[in-house]
Amino acid sequence: MKSTKAKNYVIAAIIYAAVFAIYNLFVFLIFNNFNNIFWISYGFMTASLAANIIIVLIASKKTDVEAAFFGIPLLYFSGFHVIAEFFMSFVFMLFREHASVKLTVILQAILFLIVVIFGALAVLSRDTAQTISDTVKQNAFNIKSLAVDVRLLEDDCLDAELKAQLHKVSEAIQYSDPMTNDSVSQLDEMIKGKVSELKYLCQSNNKAEAMQACFKLQAYIKERNNKLLISK
């Protein structure tokens, strides 16, 4: 895995080096009389390529959520920016004898700031969404674990009435909302504690209290789902 990743970085470095070399060959063969306008435009184009490299490295981070801004993937947005900067810098280089330094700096700085700001917002949105996704996965795993615990109690139970209630509890837990927030954090702990209590009661063959624990669990889960529904 590491060797493949390193190989991909080497290939990417070669591609960027080739693109930069071709760009230099292009502008230095076409233009001469390198005034301030030329060097400002050349600097912004170089900065644009550098920003694109950084964005590619950030966007290539393994996540379940793609970095995007208004639905446009960050890599595409960055690529569009490089193309736009190339044409803008080329136009300023072409009319370098007539363009003003102030206009050259302002327009290209705005274009560069757009990709920096939008890129930062896209990465921030992705990381936030990834955090939410990881939280949902962890909660889903916790709920699934509780459902498995109750299902094992159901499999071992010999009493038909209690077995039926254990089945209801396991299904209620399994199909409960995997999301969580502060409004149900206390209920989450109560459900975990009640499942632990239910294990002890079943192992102790205390049917009456085990049945009560099943009813309590179903009530807790219903209340939890209702609170989450209201908070959405």
Protein backbone atom coordinates (compact mmCIF):
# COMPACT_ATOMS: atom_id res chain seq x y z
CA MET A 1 0.00 0.00 0.00
CA LYS A 2 2.77 2.46 0.94
CA SER A 3 4.79 1.58 -2.18
CA THR A 4 1.72 2.16 -4.39
CA LYS A 5 1.06 5.51 -2.73
CA ALA A 6 4.71 6.53 -3.12
CA LYS A 7 4.59 5.48 -6.78
CA ASN A 8 1.49 7.63 -7.34
CA TYR A 9 3.23 10.62 -5.76
CA VAL A 10 6.25 10.13 -8.01
CA ILE A 11 4.03 9.93 -11.10
CA ALA A 12 2.13 13.06 -10.00
CA ALA A 13 5.42 14.90 -9.38
CA ILE A 14 6.65 13.97 -12.86
CA ILE A 15 3.39 15.17 -14.44
CA TYR A 16 3.49 18.51 -12.61
CA ALA A 17 7.18 18.96 -13.45
CA ALA A 18 6.42 18.26 -17.12
CA VAL A 19 3.48 20.72 -17.12
CA PHE A 20 5.60 23.42 -15.50
CA ALA A 21 8.46 22.79 -17.95
CA ILE A 22 6.11 23.00 -20.94
CA TYR A 23 4.59 26.20 -19.55
CA ASN A 24 8.03 27.78 -19.13
CA LEU A 25 9.03 26.69 -22.62
CA PHE A 26 5.82 28.17 -23.99
CA VAL A 27 6.03 31.61 -22.35
CA PHE A 28 9.77 32.13 -22.67
CA LEU A 29 9.79 31.19 -26.36
CA ILE A 30 6.83 33.41 -27.21
CA PHE A 31 7.62 36.47 -25.12
CA ASN A 32 10.61 38.71 -24.61
CA ASN A 33 11.07 42.08 -22.95
CA PHE A 34 10.10 40.71 -19.55
CA ASN A 35 8.65 43.67 -17.67
CA ASN A 36 6.84 43.79 -14.30
CA ILE A 37 3.51 42.70 -15.83
CA PHE A 38 5.14 39.56 -17.25
CA TRP A 39 6.78 38.57 -13.97
CA ILE A 40 3.64 39.26 -11.90
CA SER A 41 1.59 37.09 -14.24
CA TYR A 42 4.29 34.41 -14.24
CA GLY A 43 4.33 34.45 -10.43
CA PHE A 44 0.56 34.05 -10.15
CA MET A 45 0.58 31.18 -12.64
CA THR A 46 3.31 29.44 -10.65
CA ALA A 47 1.37 30.03 -7.42
CA SER A 48 -1.74 28.61 -9.09
CA LEU A 49 0.09 25.39 -9.99
CA ALA A 50 1.50 25.16 -6.44
CA ALA A 51 -2.00 25.65 -4.99
CA ASN A 52 -3.30 22.92 -7.31
CA ILE A 53 -0.63 20.52 -6.02
CA ILE A 54 -1.62 21.25 -2.40
CA ILE A 55 -5.32 20.80 -3.20
CA VAL A 56 -4.65 17.47 -4.94
CA LEU A 57 -2.74 16.25 -1.87
CA ILE A 58 -5.54 17.36 0.47
CA ALA A 59 -8.35 16.02 -1.73
CA SER A 60 -6.60 12.65 -2.14
CA LYS A 61 -6.96 12.01 1.59
CA LYS A 62 -8.95 8.80 2.10
CA THR A 63 -12.43 9.75 3.33
CA ASP A 64 -16.00 8.64 2.72
CA VAL A 65 -16.98 12.19 1.77
CA GLU A 66 -15.67 14.02 -1.29
CA ALA A 67 -14.43 17.60 -0.93
CA ALA A 68 -16.79 19.71 -3.02
CA PHE A 69 -18.06 23.28 -3.23
CA PHE A 70 -21.69 23.75 -4.34
CA GLY A 71 -21.58 20.23 -5.74
CA ILE A 72 -18.40 20.82 -7.77
CA PRO A 73 -15.59 18.42 -6.74
CA LEU A 74 -12.60 20.33 -5.40
CA LEU A 75 -10.20 18.70 -7.88
CA TYR A 76 -12.31 19.89 -10.83
CA PHE A 77 -12.65 23.35 -9.34
CA SER A 78 -8.88 23.55 -8.86
CA GLY A 79 -8.31 22.40 -12.43
CA PHE A 80 -10.69 25.08 -13.76
CA HIS A 81 -8.79 27.65 -11.71
CA VAL A 82 -5.44 26.65 -13.25
CA ILE A 83 -6.92 26.94 -16.75
CA ALA A 84 -8.51 30.31 -15.94
CA GLU A 85 -5.25 31.62 -14.47
CA PHE A 86 -3.31 30.40 -17.50
CA PHE A 87 -5.53 32.37 -19.88
CA MET A 88 -5.60 35.45 -17.64
CA SER A 89 -1.82 35.48 -17.18
CA PHE A 90 -1.34 34.90 -20.91
CA VAL A 91 -3.57 37.88 -21.75
CA PHE A 92 -1.65 40.14 -19.36
CA MET A 93 1.67 38.91 -20.77
CA LEU A 94 0.39 39.56 -24.29
CA PHE A 95 -0.63 43.12 -23.43
CA ARG A 96 2.15 43.69 -20.92
CA GLU A 97 3.12 47.01 -22.49
CA HIS A 98 -0.36 48.45 -21.99
CA ALA A 99 -1.70 46.83 -18.81
CA SER A 100 -1.28 48.48 -15.42
CA VAL A 101 0.49 46.77 -12.53
CA LYS A 102 -2.43 47.49 -10.19
CA LEU A 103 -5.00 45.87 -12.49
CA THR A 104 -2.73 42.88 -13.10
CA VAL A 105 -2.25 42.26 -9.39
CA ILE A 106 -5.89 42.87 -8.38
CA LEU A 107 -7.52 40.59 -10.97
CA GLN A 108 -5.09 37.70 -10.55
CA ALA A 109 -5.07 38.05 -6.76
CA ILE A 110 -8.89 37.82 -6.75
CA LEU A 111 -8.75 34.69 -8.90
CA PHE A 112 -6.14 33.14 -6.62
CA LEU A 113 -8.06 34.04 -3.45
CA ILE A 114 -11.21 32.46 -4.89
CA VAL A 115 -9.57 29.04 -5.16
CA VAL A 116 -7.93 29.37 -1.73
CA ILE A 117 -11.15 30.39 0.05
CA PHE A 118 -13.42 27.98 -1.81
CA GLY A 119 -10.87 25.19 -1.35
CA ALA A 120 -10.69 25.83 2.39
CA LEU A 121 -14.50 25.85 2.67
CA ALA A 122 -14.76 22.61 0.66
CA VAL A 123 -12.21 20.84 2.86
CA LEU A 124 -13.85 22.16 6.03
CA SER A 125 -17.27 20.95 4.83
CA ARG A 126 -15.81 17.56 3.92
CA ASP A 127 -14.12 17.12 7.29
CA THR A 128 -17.29 18.13 9.12
CA ALA A 129 -19.37 15.70 7.07
CA GLN A 130 -16.76 12.99 7.64
CA THR A 131 -16.91 13.55 11.40
CA ILE A 132 -20.70 13.21 11.30
CA SER A 133 -20.39 10.07 9.17
CA ASP A 134 -17.88 8.52 11.59
CA THR A 135 -20.16 9.35 14.53
CA VAL A 136 -23.15 7.74 12.81
CA LYS A 137 -21.07 4.62 12.04
CA GLN A 138 -19.90 4.36 15.65
CA ASN A 139 -23.44 4.80 16.97
CA ALA A 140 -24.76 2.24 14.49
CA PHE A 141 -22.07 -0.19 15.66
CA ASN A 142 -22.99 0.40 19.32
CA ILE A 143 -26.67 -0.14 18.61
CA LYS A 144 -25.93 -3.27 16.59
CA SER A 145 -23.83 -4.61 19.48
CA LEU A 146 -26.71 -4.10 21.93
CA ALA A 147 -29.13 -5.77 19.50
CA VAL A 148 -26.76 -8.75 19.19
CA ASP A 149 -26.52 -9.02 22.99
CA VAL A 150 -30.31 -9.18 23.32
CA ARG A 151 -30.58 -11.60 20.38
CA LEU A 152 -28.15 -13.97 22.14
CA LEU A 153 -30.34 -13.78 25.27
CA GLU A 154 -33.35 -14.60 23.09
CA ASP A 155 -31.60 -17.63 21.58
CA ASP A 156 -30.74 -18.99 25.03
CA CYS A 157 -34.17 -18.26 26.55
CA LEU A 158 -36.44 -21.29 27.08
CA ASP A 159 -39.52 -19.39 28.26
CA ALA A 160 -41.78 -18.61 25.27
CA GLU A 161 -43.28 -15.44 26.77
CA LEU A 162 -39.94 -13.92 27.73
CA LYS A 163 -38.42 -15.05 24.43
CA ALA A 164 -41.12 -13.11 22.55
CA GLN A 165 -40.38 -9.94 24.55
CA LEU A 166 -36.64 -10.32 24.01
CA HIS A 167 -37.29 -10.58 20.28
CA LYS A 168 -39.29 -7.34 20.36
CA VAL A 169 -36.47 -5.60 22.24
CA SER A 170 -33.77 -6.81 19.86
CA GLU A 171 -35.77 -5.61 16.84
CA ALA A 172 -36.57 -2.28 18.49
CA ILE A 173 -32.85 -1.68 19.14
CA GLN A 174 -31.77 -2.89 15.72
CA TYR A 175 -34.15 -0.59 13.84
CA SER A 176 -33.77 2.43 16.12
CA ASP A 177 -32.33 5.70 14.82
CA PRO A 178 -28.49 5.48 14.81
CA MET A 179 -28.13 9.25 15.24
CA THR A 180 -27.56 10.80 18.64
CA ASN A 181 -27.43 14.22 20.27
CA ASP A 182 -27.53 15.80 23.72
CA SER A 183 -31.30 15.31 24.02
CA VAL A 184 -30.95 11.52 24.03
CA SER A 185 -27.49 11.06 25.59
CA GLN A 186 -29.02 10.20 28.97
CA LEU A 187 -31.43 7.74 27.35
CA ASP A 188 -28.52 6.09 25.53
CA GLU A 189 -26.82 5.42 28.85
CA MET A 190 -30.08 4.18 30.37
CA ILE A 191 -30.58 1.76 27.47
CA LYS A 192 -27.03 0.41 27.82
CA GLY A 193 -27.49 0.00 31.56
CA LYS A 194 -30.88 -1.70 31.14
CA VAL A 195 -29.44 -4.17 28.61
CA SER A 196 -26.70 -5.08 31.10
CA GLU A 197 -29.38 -5.50 33.77
CA LEU A 198 -31.43 -7.66 31.40
CA LYS A 199 -28.45 -9.96 30.86
CA TYR A 200 -28.09 -10.47 34.60
CA LEU A 201 -31.84 -11.10 35.07
CA CYS A 202 -32.00 -13.63 32.25
CA GLN A 203 -28.93 -15.46 33.49
CA SER A 204 -30.50 -15.51 36.97
CA ASN A 205 -33.78 -16.92 35.56
CA ASN A 206 -35.66 -13.97 37.04
CA LYS A 207 -38.50 -13.92 34.50
CA ALA A 208 -40.73 -11.34 36.16
CA GLU A 209 -38.06 -8.65 36.43
CA ALA A 210 -36.63 -9.58 33.02
CA MET A 211 -40.06 -8.99 31.51
CA GLN A 212 -40.23 -5.59 33.22
CA ALA A 213 -36.78 -4.76 31.90
CA CYS A 214 -37.95 -5.63 28.38
CA PHE A 215 -40.96 -3.31 28.73
CA LYS A 216 -38.70 -0.54 30.06
CA LEU A 217 -36.26 -0.97 27.17
CA GLN A 218 -39.03 -0.75 24.59
CA ALA A 219 -40.32 2.41 26.26
CA TYR A 220 -36.81 3.95 26.36
CA ILE A 221 -36.19 3.18 22.69
CA LYS A 222 -39.55 4.60 21.66
CA GLU A 223 -38.89 7.77 23.66
CA ARG A 224 -35.42 8.04 22.15
CA ASN A 225 -36.71 7.74 18.59
CA ASN A 226 -39.43 10.32 19.24
CA LYS A 227 -36.95 12.83 20.69
CA LEU A 228 -34.60 12.37 17.74
CA LEU A 229 -37.49 12.82 15.32
CA ILE A 230 -38.48 16.09 16.97
CA SER A 231 -34.89 17.40 17.01
CA LYS A 232 -34.39 16.88 13.24
